[in-house]
Amino acid sequence: MSLVATRLSLKAASPLWRSPNRRFLWLLGGRDNNDSRSASTTTRVQTYSLSKTVNNASPLQVYDVVSEVGKYKEFIPYCVESFVDKRDPQTERPKLAGLRVGFKQYDEKFVCNVACEEVEQGSQYTVEAESISHHLFEVLNCRWTIKKHPRRPNSSQMDLLLKFQFKSALYNSVSSLFARSVTQLVLNAFDKRVFQVMKRDYSARNQAGVQ
């Protein structure tokens, strides 16, 4: 938004293997050792519950990165365009946003309704995106919960609930095979982005202090 053991036998048979941007559709997801999954291989809605720790970052710093969809193109693999069409007049957070995924001859554009909320000031935030583009999916919804880490001081925890249902029965049947690796790639990109933003802001403050 990269497969595991069974990929060799499926590689020649499934068109998903020749579509890197199809695998990237998990861009709003991630995975680490705290991954719990409930995924059907039928055409029912599939759900993934995912979690990742972001060290040495406050919930607000993580929230700023996750909520700013317009900057996804700067750090998410295969994201060639990201945009915000509408913002909340009070918070300036995105309300209508999207992205375009491209790789060689493949090109897909997604537009989502976005809801950003401060649940508890300074300590817990949510970002929910509901796709209103239905070329590939019947359902595509993700909800981030960003909060203070319960055991690590000065760190945050990102929890993601992802719900999806492809229009294609084939995609639904094989999606669970590649979801793990792709979501891990994307969460790592978010983690790295938070670090880069914090480093940039720290350098800017130091330069301002010198001047």
N, C-alpha and C. Protein backbone atom coordinates (compact mmCIF):
# COMPACT_ATOMS: atom_id res chain seq x y z
N MET A 1 1.95 -0.38 0.00
CA MET A 1 0.00 0.00 0.00
C MET A 1 1.31 0.25 0.00
N SER A 2 8.25 -11.08 -2.55
CA SER A 2 7.77 -10.68 -1.24
C SER A 2 6.79 -11.68 -0.67
N LEU A 3 6.78 -12.86 -1.15
CA LEU A 3 5.88 -13.85 -0.60
C LEU A 3 6.67 -14.92 0.14
N VAL A 4 5.94 -15.77 0.79
CA VAL A 4 6.55 -16.77 1.63
C VAL A 4 6.59 -18.11 0.93
N ALA A 5 6.70 -19.20 1.69
CA ALA A 5 7.11 -20.48 1.16
C ALA A 5 6.37 -20.97 -0.07
N THR A 6 5.07 -20.76 -0.14
CA THR A 6 4.29 -21.33 -1.24
C THR A 6 4.42 -20.56 -2.54
N ARG A 7 5.18 -19.50 -2.56
CA ARG A 7 5.20 -18.64 -3.73
C ARG A 7 5.76 -19.30 -4.97
N LEU A 8 6.69 -20.27 -4.81
CA LEU A 8 7.33 -20.86 -5.98
C LEU A 8 6.32 -21.59 -6.86
N SER A 9 5.40 -22.32 -6.23
CA SER A 9 4.43 -23.06 -7.02
C SER A 9 3.38 -22.17 -7.66
N LEU A 10 3.13 -20.99 -7.06
CA LEU A 10 2.11 -20.09 -7.59
C LEU A 10 2.65 -19.08 -8.57
N LYS A 11 3.94 -18.92 -8.60
CA LYS A 11 4.54 -17.83 -9.35
C LYS A 11 4.17 -17.85 -10.82
N ALA A 12 4.15 -19.03 -11.40
CA ALA A 12 3.84 -19.11 -12.83
C ALA A 12 2.35 -19.06 -13.09
N ALA A 13 1.55 -19.46 -12.09
CA ALA A 13 0.12 -19.60 -12.34
C ALA A 13 -0.68 -18.34 -12.12
N SER A 14 -0.27 -17.52 -11.19
CA SER A 14 -1.12 -16.39 -10.80
C SER A 14 -0.62 -15.08 -11.37
N PRO A 15 -1.51 -14.24 -11.94
CA PRO A 15 -1.11 -12.93 -12.45
C PRO A 15 -0.68 -11.99 -11.34
N LEU A 16 -1.04 -12.29 -10.10
CA LEU A 16 -0.61 -11.42 -9.00
C LEU A 16 0.90 -11.35 -8.91
N TRP A 17 1.56 -12.43 -9.30
CA TRP A 17 3.01 -12.47 -9.19
C TRP A 17 3.67 -11.57 -10.20
N ARG A 18 2.96 -11.17 -11.23
CA ARG A 18 3.54 -10.30 -12.23
C ARG A 18 3.06 -8.87 -12.05
N SER A 19 2.46 -8.60 -10.89
CA SER A 19 1.90 -7.27 -10.64
C SER A 19 2.40 -6.73 -9.31
N PRO A 20 3.62 -6.17 -9.24
CA PRO A 20 4.15 -5.67 -7.97
C PRO A 20 3.24 -4.66 -7.32
N ASN A 21 2.56 -3.83 -8.11
CA ASN A 21 1.69 -2.84 -7.46
C ASN A 21 0.46 -3.48 -6.84
N ARG A 22 0.04 -4.65 -7.33
CA ARG A 22 -1.07 -5.35 -6.69
C ARG A 22 -0.65 -5.75 -5.27
N ARG A 23 0.60 -6.19 -5.14
CA ARG A 23 1.08 -6.55 -3.82
C ARG A 23 1.16 -5.33 -2.93
N PHE A 24 1.44 -4.17 -3.52
CA PHE A 24 1.57 -2.94 -2.76
C PHE A 24 0.25 -2.43 -2.20
N LEU A 25 -0.85 -2.98 -2.64
CA LEU A 25 -2.15 -2.50 -2.18
C LEU A 25 -2.30 -2.60 -0.68
N TRP A 26 -1.36 -3.29 -0.04
CA TRP A 26 -1.39 -3.40 1.42
C TRP A 26 -0.70 -2.21 2.06
N LEU A 27 -0.58 -1.07 1.34
CA LEU A 27 0.23 0.04 1.83
C LEU A 27 -0.23 0.59 3.17
N LEU A 28 -1.47 0.41 3.51
CA LEU A 28 -1.92 0.92 4.80
C LEU A 28 -1.70 -0.08 5.92
N GLY A 29 -1.05 -1.19 5.62
CA GLY A 29 -0.85 -2.21 6.62
C GLY A 29 0.57 -2.37 7.05
N GLY A 30 0.81 -3.34 7.94
CA GLY A 30 2.13 -3.64 8.43
C GLY A 30 2.07 -4.90 9.25
N ARG A 31 3.25 -5.39 9.68
CA ARG A 31 3.23 -6.59 10.49
C ARG A 31 4.52 -6.70 11.25
N ASP A 32 4.43 -7.16 12.51
CA ASP A 32 5.62 -7.54 13.24
C ASP A 32 5.26 -8.79 14.02
N ASN A 33 5.94 -9.09 15.11
CA ASN A 33 5.71 -10.32 15.83
C ASN A 33 4.35 -10.37 16.51
N ASN A 34 3.65 -9.24 16.61
CA ASN A 34 2.35 -9.19 17.27
C ASN A 34 1.22 -9.23 16.25
N ASP A 35 1.39 -9.98 15.18
CA ASP A 35 0.39 -10.05 14.11
C ASP A 35 -0.62 -11.15 14.42
N SER A 36 -1.90 -10.80 14.49
CA SER A 36 -2.95 -11.81 14.58
C SER A 36 -3.84 -11.65 13.38
N ARG A 37 -4.19 -12.76 12.73
CA ARG A 37 -4.93 -12.67 11.48
C ARG A 37 -6.18 -13.54 11.52
N SER A 38 -7.20 -13.06 10.85
CA SER A 38 -8.40 -13.85 10.63
C SER A 38 -8.77 -13.63 9.18
N ALA A 39 -8.36 -14.54 8.29
CA ALA A 39 -8.52 -14.31 6.86
C ALA A 39 -9.19 -15.49 6.20
N SER A 40 -10.26 -15.25 5.51
CA SER A 40 -10.97 -16.28 4.78
C SER A 40 -10.46 -16.31 3.35
N THR A 41 -10.41 -17.49 2.76
CA THR A 41 -10.01 -17.61 1.37
C THR A 41 -11.23 -17.63 0.45
N THR A 42 -12.40 -17.35 1.00
CA THR A 42 -13.59 -17.23 0.17
C THR A 42 -13.76 -15.77 -0.22
N THR A 43 -14.96 -15.42 -0.67
CA THR A 43 -15.20 -14.04 -1.07
C THR A 43 -15.71 -13.19 0.08
N ARG A 44 -15.68 -13.69 1.30
CA ARG A 44 -16.09 -12.89 2.44
C ARG A 44 -15.03 -11.84 2.75
N VAL A 45 -15.44 -10.83 3.53
CA VAL A 45 -14.50 -9.80 3.94
C VAL A 45 -13.43 -10.42 4.83
N GLN A 46 -12.18 -10.13 4.53
CA GLN A 46 -11.06 -10.62 5.31
C GLN A 46 -10.58 -9.52 6.25
N THR A 47 -10.07 -9.92 7.40
CA THR A 47 -9.58 -8.94 8.37
C THR A 47 -8.19 -9.32 8.85
N TYR A 48 -7.38 -8.30 9.08
CA TYR A 48 -6.05 -8.47 9.65
C TYR A 48 -5.90 -7.50 10.81
N SER A 49 -5.40 -7.99 11.93
CA SER A 49 -5.09 -7.13 13.06
C SER A 49 -3.58 -7.13 13.25
N LEU A 50 -2.96 -5.96 13.14
CA LEU A 50 -1.51 -5.84 13.07
C LEU A 50 -1.00 -4.83 14.08
N SER A 51 0.23 -5.02 14.55
CA SER A 51 0.78 -4.12 15.55
C SER A 51 2.27 -3.94 15.34
N LYS A 52 2.76 -2.73 15.64
CA LYS A 52 4.19 -2.47 15.54
C LYS A 52 4.59 -1.40 16.56
N THR A 53 5.77 -1.57 17.13
CA THR A 53 6.32 -0.59 18.06
C THR A 53 7.20 0.40 17.31
N VAL A 54 7.03 1.68 17.63
CA VAL A 54 7.89 2.73 17.08
C VAL A 54 8.69 3.30 18.25
N ASN A 55 9.97 3.03 18.26
CA ASN A 55 10.81 3.43 19.38
C ASN A 55 11.14 4.92 19.36
N ASN A 56 11.23 5.49 20.55
CA ASN A 56 11.69 6.88 20.73
C ASN A 56 10.87 7.89 19.94
N ALA A 57 9.57 7.66 19.88
CA ALA A 57 8.67 8.59 19.19
C ALA A 57 7.37 8.71 19.97
N SER A 58 6.85 9.92 20.04
CA SER A 58 5.58 10.13 20.74
C SER A 58 4.42 9.74 19.83
N PRO A 59 3.25 9.45 20.39
CA PRO A 59 2.08 9.15 19.56
C PRO A 59 1.77 10.26 18.56
N LEU A 60 1.94 11.51 18.97
CA LEU A 60 1.66 12.62 18.06
C LEU A 60 2.60 12.62 16.87
N GLN A 61 3.88 12.31 17.10
CA GLN A 61 4.84 12.27 15.99
C GLN A 61 4.48 11.17 14.99
N VAL A 62 4.04 10.03 15.48
CA VAL A 62 3.62 8.94 14.60
C VAL A 62 2.32 9.32 13.88
N TYR A 63 1.40 9.90 14.60
CA TYR A 63 0.12 10.33 14.04
C TYR A 63 0.32 11.33 12.90
N ASP A 64 1.24 12.25 13.07
CA ASP A 64 1.51 13.23 12.02
C ASP A 64 1.93 12.56 10.72
N VAL A 65 2.71 11.50 10.82
CA VAL A 65 3.19 10.80 9.62
C VAL A 65 2.07 9.96 9.00
N VAL A 66 1.35 9.20 9.82
CA VAL A 66 0.30 8.32 9.30
C VAL A 66 -0.84 9.11 8.68
N SER A 67 -1.22 10.22 9.29
CA SER A 67 -2.39 10.97 8.82
C SER A 67 -2.11 11.79 7.57
N GLU A 68 -0.86 12.14 7.32
CA GLU A 68 -0.56 13.02 6.18
C GLU A 68 -0.40 12.21 4.90
N VAL A 69 -1.53 11.78 4.35
CA VAL A 69 -1.54 10.94 3.15
C VAL A 69 -0.85 11.63 1.98
N GLY A 70 -0.92 12.93 1.90
CA GLY A 70 -0.34 13.66 0.79
C GLY A 70 1.16 13.48 0.63
N LYS A 71 1.83 13.02 1.69
CA LYS A 71 3.28 12.84 1.62
C LYS A 71 3.70 11.38 1.46
N TYR A 72 2.74 10.48 1.29
CA TYR A 72 3.07 9.07 1.14
C TYR A 72 4.01 8.82 -0.03
N LYS A 73 3.87 9.61 -1.08
CA LYS A 73 4.70 9.41 -2.27
C LYS A 73 6.18 9.61 -1.97
N GLU A 74 6.51 10.26 -0.87
CA GLU A 74 7.89 10.55 -0.53
C GLU A 74 8.60 9.36 0.12
N PHE A 75 7.84 8.36 0.59
CA PHE A 75 8.51 7.28 1.32
C PHE A 75 7.89 5.89 1.17
N ILE A 76 6.70 5.79 0.58
CA ILE A 76 6.07 4.48 0.42
C ILE A 76 6.49 3.86 -0.91
N PRO A 77 7.00 2.62 -0.91
CA PRO A 77 7.42 1.97 -2.16
C PRO A 77 6.28 1.88 -3.17
N TYR A 78 6.60 2.17 -4.43
CA TYR A 78 5.67 2.08 -5.57
C TYR A 78 4.58 3.14 -5.57
N CYS A 79 4.56 4.03 -4.60
CA CYS A 79 3.57 5.10 -4.58
C CYS A 79 4.11 6.27 -5.40
N VAL A 80 3.54 6.49 -6.58
CA VAL A 80 4.05 7.52 -7.49
C VAL A 80 3.31 8.84 -7.35
N GLU A 81 2.18 8.81 -6.66
CA GLU A 81 1.42 10.04 -6.44
C GLU A 81 0.58 9.87 -5.18
N SER A 82 0.51 10.91 -4.38
CA SER A 82 -0.40 10.93 -3.23
C SER A 82 -0.95 12.35 -3.09
N PHE A 83 -2.17 12.47 -2.63
CA PHE A 83 -2.81 13.78 -2.67
C PHE A 83 -3.88 13.89 -1.58
N VAL A 84 -4.19 15.12 -1.22
CA VAL A 84 -5.28 15.42 -0.30
C VAL A 84 -6.21 16.39 -1.01
N ASP A 85 -7.44 15.99 -1.23
CA ASP A 85 -8.42 16.84 -1.93
C ASP A 85 -9.24 17.70 -0.97
N LYS A 86 -9.36 17.24 0.27
CA LYS A 86 -10.17 18.00 1.22
C LYS A 86 -9.61 17.82 2.62
N ARG A 87 -9.58 18.92 3.39
CA ARG A 87 -9.08 18.89 4.77
C ARG A 87 -10.16 19.37 5.73
N ASP A 88 -10.05 18.91 6.96
CA ASP A 88 -10.94 19.39 8.01
C ASP A 88 -10.62 20.86 8.29
N PRO A 89 -11.58 21.75 8.25
CA PRO A 89 -11.30 23.18 8.42
C PRO A 89 -10.75 23.54 9.79
N GLN A 90 -10.99 22.71 10.79
CA GLN A 90 -10.51 23.00 12.14
C GLN A 90 -9.14 22.40 12.43
N THR A 91 -8.94 21.15 12.04
CA THR A 91 -7.68 20.46 12.37
C THR A 91 -6.67 20.47 11.24
N GLU A 92 -7.12 20.73 10.02
CA GLU A 92 -6.28 20.68 8.82
C GLU A 92 -5.83 19.26 8.48
N ARG A 93 -6.41 18.27 9.12
CA ARG A 93 -6.09 16.88 8.78
C ARG A 93 -6.89 16.47 7.54
N PRO A 94 -6.40 15.49 6.77
CA PRO A 94 -7.11 15.07 5.55
C PRO A 94 -8.49 14.50 5.84
N LYS A 95 -9.44 14.80 4.95
CA LYS A 95 -10.77 14.20 4.99
C LYS A 95 -11.06 13.39 3.72
N LEU A 96 -10.51 13.84 2.60
CA LEU A 96 -10.63 13.13 1.33
C LEU A 96 -9.24 13.09 0.72
N ALA A 97 -8.70 11.90 0.53
CA ALA A 97 -7.32 11.78 0.07
C ALA A 97 -7.15 10.50 -0.73
N GLY A 98 -6.00 10.35 -1.35
CA GLY A 98 -5.76 9.15 -2.14
C GLY A 98 -4.34 9.03 -2.62
N LEU A 99 -4.11 8.04 -3.44
CA LEU A 99 -2.77 7.79 -3.96
C LEU A 99 -2.86 7.01 -5.26
N ARG A 100 -1.77 7.03 -5.97
CA ARG A 100 -1.65 6.26 -7.21
C ARG A 100 -0.44 5.36 -7.10
N VAL A 101 -0.65 4.11 -7.41
CA VAL A 101 0.39 3.10 -7.33
C VAL A 101 0.81 2.73 -8.75
N GLY A 102 2.11 2.78 -9.02
CA GLY A 102 2.57 2.48 -10.36
C GLY A 102 3.84 1.66 -10.38
N PHE A 103 3.91 0.74 -11.33
CA PHE A 103 5.12 -0.05 -11.56
C PHE A 103 5.08 -0.55 -12.99
N LYS A 104 6.02 -0.04 -13.82
CA LYS A 104 6.07 -0.40 -15.24
C LYS A 104 4.70 -0.12 -15.88
N GLN A 105 4.02 -1.15 -16.42
CA GLN A 105 2.77 -0.89 -17.13
C GLN A 105 1.56 -0.86 -16.21
N TYR A 106 1.75 -1.07 -14.93
CA TYR A 106 0.62 -1.12 -14.01
C TYR A 106 0.40 0.23 -13.35
N ASP A 107 -0.88 0.60 -13.23
CA ASP A 107 -1.21 1.90 -12.67
C ASP A 107 -2.61 1.83 -12.04
N GLU A 108 -2.69 2.13 -10.74
CA GLU A 108 -3.97 2.10 -10.03
C GLU A 108 -4.09 3.35 -9.17
N LYS A 109 -5.28 3.93 -9.12
CA LYS A 109 -5.53 5.11 -8.30
C LYS A 109 -6.63 4.80 -7.30
N PHE A 110 -6.41 5.24 -6.05
CA PHE A 110 -7.36 4.99 -4.98
C PHE A 110 -7.70 6.29 -4.28
N VAL A 111 -8.98 6.49 -4.01
CA VAL A 111 -9.46 7.67 -3.28
C VAL A 111 -10.20 7.17 -2.04
N CYS A 112 -9.96 7.83 -0.91
CA CYS A 112 -10.54 7.38 0.36
C CYS A 112 -11.13 8.54 1.16
N ASN A 113 -12.20 8.25 1.86
CA ASN A 113 -12.66 9.13 2.92
C ASN A 113 -11.78 8.86 4.14
N VAL A 114 -11.25 9.92 4.74
CA VAL A 114 -10.32 9.77 5.85
C VAL A 114 -10.88 10.48 7.08
N ALA A 115 -10.81 9.79 8.22
CA ALA A 115 -11.24 10.38 9.49
C ALA A 115 -10.07 10.33 10.47
N CYS A 116 -9.60 11.50 10.90
CA CYS A 116 -8.49 11.60 11.84
C CYS A 116 -9.03 12.14 13.17
N GLU A 117 -8.71 11.46 14.25
CA GLU A 117 -9.29 11.86 15.54
C GLU A 117 -8.26 11.77 16.65
N GLU A 118 -8.26 12.79 17.49
CA GLU A 118 -7.47 12.78 18.73
C GLU A 118 -8.37 12.22 19.83
N VAL A 119 -8.15 10.97 20.20
CA VAL A 119 -8.99 10.30 21.18
C VAL A 119 -8.66 10.78 22.59
N GLU A 120 -7.38 10.85 22.88
CA GLU A 120 -6.91 11.32 24.18
C GLU A 120 -5.71 12.21 23.94
N GLN A 121 -5.80 13.43 24.37
CA GLN A 121 -4.80 14.44 24.02
C GLN A 121 -3.38 13.99 24.36
N GLY A 122 -2.55 13.97 23.32
CA GLY A 122 -1.15 13.65 23.49
C GLY A 122 -0.80 12.19 23.64
N SER A 123 -1.81 11.32 23.77
CA SER A 123 -1.48 9.93 24.06
C SER A 123 -2.18 8.90 23.17
N GLN A 124 -3.27 9.26 22.49
CA GLN A 124 -3.93 8.29 21.61
C GLN A 124 -4.65 8.98 20.47
N TYR A 125 -4.46 8.42 19.25
CA TYR A 125 -5.04 8.99 18.04
C TYR A 125 -5.53 7.85 17.15
N THR A 126 -6.49 8.16 16.28
CA THR A 126 -6.94 7.19 15.29
C THR A 126 -6.97 7.83 13.91
N VAL A 127 -6.69 7.00 12.91
CA VAL A 127 -6.81 7.40 11.51
C VAL A 127 -7.54 6.27 10.80
N GLU A 128 -8.69 6.59 10.20
CA GLU A 128 -9.47 5.57 9.50
C GLU A 128 -9.67 6.00 8.05
N ALA A 129 -9.42 5.08 7.14
CA ALA A 129 -9.57 5.35 5.71
C ALA A 129 -10.51 4.32 5.10
N GLU A 130 -11.52 4.81 4.39
CA GLU A 130 -12.50 3.96 3.71
C GLU A 130 -12.43 4.26 2.22
N SER A 131 -12.05 3.25 1.43
CA SER A 131 -11.91 3.46 -0.01
C SER A 131 -13.26 3.70 -0.66
N ILE A 132 -13.31 4.72 -1.53
CA ILE A 132 -14.51 4.95 -2.34
C ILE A 132 -14.22 4.65 -3.81
N SER A 133 -13.05 4.05 -4.06
CA SER A 133 -12.70 3.56 -5.40
C SER A 133 -12.85 2.05 -5.39
N HIS A 134 -13.59 1.50 -6.31
CA HIS A 134 -13.92 0.09 -6.24
C HIS A 134 -13.56 -0.66 -7.52
N HIS A 135 -12.41 -0.36 -8.09
CA HIS A 135 -11.97 -1.09 -9.28
C HIS A 135 -11.55 -2.51 -8.92
N LEU A 136 -10.83 -2.67 -7.82
CA LEU A 136 -10.31 -3.97 -7.42
C LEU A 136 -11.02 -4.56 -6.21
N PHE A 137 -11.58 -3.69 -5.36
CA PHE A 137 -12.12 -4.14 -4.09
C PHE A 137 -13.63 -3.91 -3.99
N GLU A 138 -14.30 -4.85 -3.34
CA GLU A 138 -15.66 -4.60 -2.87
C GLU A 138 -15.59 -3.79 -1.57
N VAL A 139 -14.60 -4.13 -0.73
CA VAL A 139 -14.40 -3.47 0.56
C VAL A 139 -12.92 -3.24 0.76
N LEU A 140 -12.55 -2.03 1.20
CA LEU A 140 -11.18 -1.74 1.60
C LEU A 140 -11.23 -0.67 2.68
N ASN A 141 -10.93 -1.07 3.90
CA ASN A 141 -11.01 -0.17 5.04
C ASN A 141 -9.85 -0.44 5.98
N CYS A 142 -9.25 0.62 6.50
CA CYS A 142 -8.20 0.43 7.50
C CYS A 142 -8.37 1.44 8.62
N ARG A 143 -8.02 1.01 9.79
CA ARG A 143 -8.12 1.87 10.97
C ARG A 143 -6.83 1.75 11.78
N TRP A 144 -6.10 2.87 11.88
CA TRP A 144 -4.90 2.95 12.70
C TRP A 144 -5.27 3.45 14.09
N THR A 145 -4.71 2.83 15.11
CA THR A 145 -4.77 3.35 16.47
C THR A 145 -3.34 3.56 16.94
N ILE A 146 -3.02 4.78 17.32
CA ILE A 146 -1.65 5.14 17.70
C ILE A 146 -1.68 5.60 19.14
N LYS A 147 -0.89 4.96 19.98
CA LYS A 147 -0.95 5.27 21.41
C LYS A 147 0.41 5.06 22.07
N LYS A 148 0.50 5.51 23.31
CA LYS A 148 1.73 5.29 24.07
C LYS A 148 1.96 3.80 24.24
N HIS A 149 3.22 3.39 24.13
CA HIS A 149 3.52 1.98 24.32
C HIS A 149 3.31 1.62 25.79
N PRO A 150 2.64 0.50 26.06
CA PRO A 150 2.33 0.17 27.46
C PRO A 150 3.54 -0.20 28.31
N ARG A 151 4.65 -0.60 27.67
CA ARG A 151 5.80 -1.06 28.45
C ARG A 151 7.10 -0.33 28.14
N ARG A 152 7.15 0.42 27.06
CA ARG A 152 8.38 1.10 26.67
C ARG A 152 8.22 2.61 26.79
N PRO A 153 8.93 3.22 27.73
CA PRO A 153 8.84 4.68 27.88
C PRO A 153 9.32 5.39 26.60
N ASN A 154 8.71 6.51 26.30
CA ASN A 154 9.10 7.34 25.15
C ASN A 154 8.94 6.63 23.81
N SER A 155 8.09 5.62 23.77
CA SER A 155 7.84 4.90 22.52
C SER A 155 6.33 4.81 22.28
N SER A 156 5.98 4.45 21.05
CA SER A 156 4.57 4.37 20.67
C SER A 156 4.24 3.02 20.08
N GLN A 157 2.96 2.71 20.06
CA GLN A 157 2.48 1.48 19.45
C GLN A 157 1.47 1.83 18.36
N MET A 158 1.66 1.25 17.19
CA MET A 158 0.72 1.40 16.09
C MET A 158 -0.08 0.11 15.95
N ASP A 159 -1.38 0.20 16.06
CA ASP A 159 -2.26 -0.94 15.84
C ASP A 159 -3.08 -0.67 14.58
N LEU A 160 -3.18 -1.67 13.73
CA LEU A 160 -3.91 -1.52 12.48
C LEU A 160 -4.95 -2.61 12.34
N LEU A 161 -6.17 -2.21 12.05
CA LEU A 161 -7.22 -3.15 11.69
C LEU A 161 -7.54 -2.94 10.22
N LEU A 162 -7.26 -3.96 9.42
CA LEU A 162 -7.45 -3.88 7.97
C LEU A 162 -8.56 -4.83 7.55
N LYS A 163 -9.53 -4.31 6.79
CA LYS A 163 -10.63 -5.12 6.26
C LYS A 163 -10.65 -4.97 4.74
N PHE A 164 -10.76 -6.08 4.04
CA PHE A 164 -10.76 -6.00 2.58
C PHE A 164 -11.48 -7.18 1.96
N GLN A 165 -11.95 -6.95 0.76
CA GLN A 165 -12.55 -8.01 -0.05
C GLN A 165 -12.33 -7.65 -1.51
N PHE A 166 -11.53 -8.45 -2.20
CA PHE A 166 -11.32 -8.24 -3.63
C PHE A 166 -12.58 -8.60 -4.42
N LYS A 167 -12.74 -7.99 -5.56
CA LYS A 167 -13.82 -8.40 -6.47
C LYS A 167 -13.49 -9.74 -7.12
N SER A 168 -12.21 -10.00 -7.30
CA SER A 168 -11.76 -11.23 -7.93
C SER A 168 -11.66 -12.37 -6.91
N ALA A 169 -12.30 -13.50 -7.20
CA ALA A 169 -12.21 -14.66 -6.32
C ALA A 169 -10.78 -15.18 -6.25
N LEU A 170 -10.05 -15.08 -7.35
CA LEU A 170 -8.66 -15.53 -7.36
C LEU A 170 -7.82 -14.69 -6.41
N TYR A 171 -7.96 -13.38 -6.48
CA TYR A 171 -7.20 -12.51 -5.59
C TYR A 171 -7.55 -12.79 -4.13
N ASN A 172 -8.84 -13.02 -3.85
CA ASN A 172 -9.23 -13.34 -2.48
C ASN A 172 -8.59 -14.63 -1.99
N SER A 173 -8.47 -15.60 -2.88
CA SER A 173 -7.96 -16.91 -2.48
C SER A 173 -6.47 -16.91 -2.20
N VAL A 174 -5.71 -16.03 -2.84
CA VAL A 174 -4.25 -16.05 -2.66
C VAL A 174 -3.72 -14.86 -1.87
N SER A 175 -4.59 -13.91 -1.52
CA SER A 175 -4.11 -12.68 -0.90
C SER A 175 -3.38 -12.92 0.41
N SER A 176 -3.84 -13.89 1.20
CA SER A 176 -3.21 -14.13 2.50
C SER A 176 -1.77 -14.61 2.36
N LEU A 177 -1.40 -15.11 1.18
CA LEU A 177 -0.05 -15.61 0.98
C LEU A 177 0.98 -14.50 0.92
N PHE A 178 0.60 -13.35 0.38
CA PHE A 178 1.58 -12.29 0.24
C PHE A 178 1.35 -11.11 1.18
N ALA A 179 0.27 -11.12 1.94
CA ALA A 179 -0.05 -9.98 2.81
C ALA A 179 1.03 -9.75 3.86
N ARG A 180 1.56 -10.80 4.44
CA ARG A 180 2.52 -10.65 5.53
C ARG A 180 3.75 -9.88 5.11
N SER A 181 4.38 -10.27 4.01
CA SER A 181 5.62 -9.63 3.58
C SER A 181 5.41 -8.19 3.15
N VAL A 182 4.32 -7.94 2.45
CA VAL A 182 4.08 -6.60 1.94
C VAL A 182 3.73 -5.64 3.07
N THR A 183 2.91 -6.08 4.00
CA THR A 183 2.57 -5.21 5.12
C THR A 183 3.78 -4.92 5.99
N GLN A 184 4.67 -5.89 6.13
CA GLN A 184 5.91 -5.64 6.87
C GLN A 184 6.74 -4.58 6.19
N LEU A 185 6.83 -4.64 4.87
CA LEU A 185 7.57 -3.64 4.09
C LEU A 185 7.01 -2.25 4.32
N VAL A 186 5.70 -2.14 4.32
CA VAL A 186 5.07 -0.83 4.45
C VAL A 186 5.23 -0.28 5.86
N LEU A 187 5.02 -1.10 6.89
CA LEU A 187 5.19 -0.61 8.26
C LEU A 187 6.63 -0.18 8.51
N ASN A 188 7.57 -0.90 7.95
CA ASN A 188 8.96 -0.48 8.08
C ASN A 188 9.18 0.89 7.44
N ALA A 189 8.48 1.14 6.33
CA ALA A 189 8.60 2.44 5.67
C ALA A 189 8.06 3.56 6.56
N PHE A 190 6.95 3.31 7.24
CA PHE A 190 6.40 4.30 8.18
C PHE A 190 7.35 4.53 9.34
N ASP A 191 7.89 3.45 9.88
CA ASP A 191 8.83 3.54 11.00
C ASP A 191 10.04 4.39 10.62
N LYS A 192 10.59 4.12 9.45
CA LYS A 192 11.75 4.87 8.96
C LYS A 192 11.39 6.34 8.73
N ARG A 193 10.20 6.58 8.22
CA ARG A 193 9.77 7.96 7.96
C ARG A 193 9.66 8.76 9.26
N VAL A 194 9.12 8.16 10.30
CA VAL A 194 9.02 8.84 11.59
C VAL A 194 10.41 9.25 12.07
N PHE A 195 11.37 8.34 11.96
CA PHE A 195 12.74 8.65 12.38
C PHE A 195 13.32 9.79 11.56
N GLN A 196 13.10 9.77 10.24
CA GLN A 196 13.63 10.82 9.38
C GLN A 196 13.03 12.19 9.71
N VAL A 197 11.73 12.22 9.97
CA VAL A 197 11.06 13.48 10.31
C VAL A 197 11.58 14.02 11.64
N MET A 198 11.74 13.14 12.62
CA MET A 198 12.26 13.56 13.91
C MET A 198 13.68 14.10 13.79
N LYS A 199 14.49 13.44 13.00
CA LYS A 199 15.87 13.88 12.79
C LYS A 199 15.91 15.24 12.10
N ARG A 200 15.06 15.41 11.10
CA ARG A 200 14.99 16.69 10.38
C ARG A 200 14.55 17.82 11.31
N ASP A 201 13.53 17.56 12.12
CA ASP A 201 13.03 18.59 13.03
C ASP A 201 14.06 18.95 14.09
N TYR A 202 14.79 17.96 14.55
CA TYR A 202 15.84 18.20 15.56
C TYR A 202 16.94 19.09 14.97
N SER A 203 17.35 18.79 13.74
CA SER A 203 18.38 19.60 13.08
C SER A 203 17.90 21.03 12.86
N ALA A 204 16.62 21.18 12.49
CA ALA A 204 16.07 22.52 12.27
C ALA A 204 16.06 23.33 13.56
N ARG A 205 15.72 22.69 14.67
CA ARG A 205 15.71 23.39 15.95
C ARG A 205 17.11 23.81 16.36
N ASN A 206 18.08 22.94 16.12
CA ASN A 206 19.46 23.27 16.46
C ASN A 206 19.97 24.45 15.64
N GLN A 207 19.65 24.45 14.35
CA GLN A 207 20.08 25.55 13.49
C GLN A 207 19.42 26.86 13.92
N ALA A 208 18.15 26.79 14.29
CA ALA A 208 17.46 27.99 14.75
C ALA A 208 18.07 28.52 16.04
N GLY A 209 18.52 27.60 16.91
CA GLY A 209 19.14 28.01 18.15
C GLY A 209 20.47 28.69 17.94
N VAL A 210 21.24 28.22 16.96
CA VAL A 210 22.54 28.81 16.65
C VAL A 210 22.37 30.20 16.10
N GLN A 211 21.37 30.39 15.26
CA GLN A 211 21.13 31.70 14.66
C GLN A 211 20.60 32.68 15.70
